[in-house]
Amino acid sequence: MPSAKSTNWSAGAATSQVIAIVLILWHGAGFATTPPPALGAMANATYPGIMDAPVTLHDGQWEGQPYAEGGASRPRVTLVSGFRVAGDLDGDGMPEAVVLLAASTGGSGTFSHL
């Protein structure tokens, strides 16, 4: 017959396992209820680091002021349609999403930003 001490240890171990299972299920449930940003939200978000100041897209587009008054050349940032990757991208347990942005500073080049 097991001693009282070994019976208490077994009960403690069982309790620890139940707590661990509950925490895993709770964390998983939290992940499922916090979806990553939708494409529509990302098409109207603010993005730093592309131009000198953060740019805020409106319906997937941002257009800056012309470089010269009355000029046609101006900076532009566009959300590349159909590109969105979502999931736990950085391993922190929270869902994220990334999109592809195309930036033009008015010259002949277009720069991609993930």
Protein backbone atom coordinates (compact mmCIF):
# COMPACT_ATOMS: atom_id res chain seq x y z
CA MET A 1 0.00 0.00 0.00
CA PRO A 2 1.47 3.42 -0.91
CA SER A 3 2.40 5.79 1.86
CA ALA A 4 0.50 9.02 2.43
CA LYS A 5 3.53 10.92 1.17
CA SER A 6 3.60 9.07 -2.20
CA THR A 7 -0.21 9.40 -2.55
CA ASN A 8 0.05 13.19 -2.05
CA TRP A 9 2.83 13.38 -4.63
CA SER A 10 0.70 11.51 -7.18
CA ALA A 11 -2.25 13.77 -6.54
CA GLY A 12 0.03 16.81 -6.92
CA ALA A 13 1.44 15.48 -10.19
CA ALA A 14 -2.05 14.80 -11.52
CA THR A 15 -3.13 18.32 -10.54
CA SER A 16 -0.08 19.79 -12.32
CA GLN A 17 -0.92 17.85 -15.47
CA VAL A 18 -4.53 19.03 -15.42
CA ILE A 19 -3.42 22.65 -14.94
CA ALA A 20 -0.96 22.33 -17.84
CA ILE A 21 -3.68 20.91 -20.10
CA VAL A 22 -6.08 23.73 -19.15
CA LEU A 23 -3.41 26.37 -19.86
CA ILE A 24 -2.66 24.88 -23.27
CA LEU A 25 -6.35 24.76 -24.18
CA TRP A 26 -6.91 28.32 -22.91
CA HIS A 27 -3.93 29.63 -24.85
CA GLY A 28 -5.12 27.85 -27.98
CA ALA A 29 -8.60 29.26 -27.53
CA GLY A 30 -7.14 32.77 -27.13
CA PHE A 31 -5.20 32.36 -30.37
CA ALA A 32 -8.34 31.32 -32.21
CA THR A 33 -10.30 34.36 -30.96
CA THR A 34 -7.62 36.88 -31.95
CA PRO A 35 -7.39 36.69 -35.72
CA PRO A 36 -4.59 38.42 -37.61
CA PRO A 37 -5.45 41.69 -39.33
CA ALA A 38 -7.66 41.25 -42.38
CA LEU A 39 -6.54 42.45 -45.80
CA GLY A 40 -9.07 45.32 -45.65
CA ALA A 41 -7.59 46.57 -42.38
CA MET A 42 -4.08 46.34 -43.79
CA ALA A 43 -5.18 48.32 -46.86
CA ASN A 44 -6.01 51.20 -44.50
CA ALA A 45 -3.09 50.96 -42.07
CA THR A 46 -0.08 53.19 -41.35
CA TYR A 47 3.36 51.89 -42.33
CA PRO A 48 6.62 53.42 -41.06
CA GLY A 49 10.01 53.08 -42.73
CA ILE A 50 8.95 53.27 -46.37
CA MET A 51 9.19 57.02 -46.92
CA ASP A 52 10.72 59.72 -44.69
CA ALA A 53 7.55 59.77 -42.58
CA PRO A 54 5.01 56.98 -41.95
CA VAL A 55 2.45 56.57 -44.73
CA THR A 56 -1.23 55.79 -44.18
CA LEU A 57 -2.89 53.82 -46.95
CA HIS A 58 -6.48 54.52 -47.95
CA ASP A 59 -8.02 51.64 -49.89
CA GLY A 60 -4.51 50.29 -50.48
CA GLN A 61 -3.05 53.53 -51.87
CA TRP A 62 -0.98 56.46 -50.62
CA GLU A 63 0.15 59.36 -52.74
CA GLY A 64 2.45 62.13 -51.50
CA GLN A 65 2.76 65.71 -52.63
CA PRO A 66 4.43 66.39 -56.00
CA TYR A 67 8.17 66.99 -55.78
CA ALA A 68 7.73 70.23 -57.71
CA GLU A 69 4.68 72.47 -57.49
CA GLY A 70 2.29 71.44 -60.27
CA GLY A 71 4.52 68.48 -61.18
CA ALA A 72 3.29 65.00 -62.03
CA SER A 73 6.12 63.12 -60.29
CA ARG A 74 5.24 62.24 -56.71
CA PRO A 75 5.90 59.42 -54.22
CA ARG A 76 3.38 56.56 -54.17
CA VAL A 77 2.86 53.44 -52.08
CA THR A 78 0.46 50.70 -53.18
CA LEU A 79 -0.67 47.51 -51.49
CA VAL A 80 0.06 44.59 -53.84
CA SER A 81 -3.34 42.94 -54.28
CA GLY A 82 -3.79 39.29 -53.45
CA PHE A 83 -0.65 38.98 -51.30
CA ARG A 84 -1.28 38.39 -47.59
CA VAL A 85 0.40 35.79 -45.40
CA ALA A 86 -1.08 35.19 -41.94
CA GLY A 87 -0.30 33.05 -38.92
CA ASP A 88 2.15 33.02 -36.01
CA LEU A 89 5.00 34.37 -38.12
CA ASP A 90 7.44 35.23 -35.34
CA GLY A 91 6.81 32.37 -32.89
CA ASP A 92 5.37 34.52 -30.10
CA GLY A 93 2.06 32.64 -29.99
CA MET A 94 0.07 35.55 -31.45
CA PRO A 95 -1.22 35.74 -35.02
CA GLU A 96 0.32 38.25 -37.40
CA ALA A 97 -0.12 39.08 -41.06
CA VAL A 98 2.17 40.56 -43.68
CA VAL A 99 1.43 42.21 -47.00
CA LEU A 100 3.59 43.34 -49.87
CA LEU A 101 3.84 47.08 -50.56
CA ALA A 102 5.21 48.64 -53.75
CA ALA A 103 6.81 52.08 -53.33
CA SER A 104 7.73 54.50 -56.08
CA THR A 105 9.59 57.72 -55.40
CA GLY A 106 8.77 59.15 -58.81
CA GLY A 107 11.70 57.74 -60.78
CA SER A 108 11.86 54.64 -62.92
CA GLY A 109 12.27 52.17 -60.02
CA THR A 110 9.69 50.50 -57.81
CA PHE A 111 10.72 49.15 -54.41
CA SER A 112 9.03 46.24 -52.63
CA HIS A 113 8.48 46.19 -48.87
CA LEU A 114 7.29 43.17 -46.89
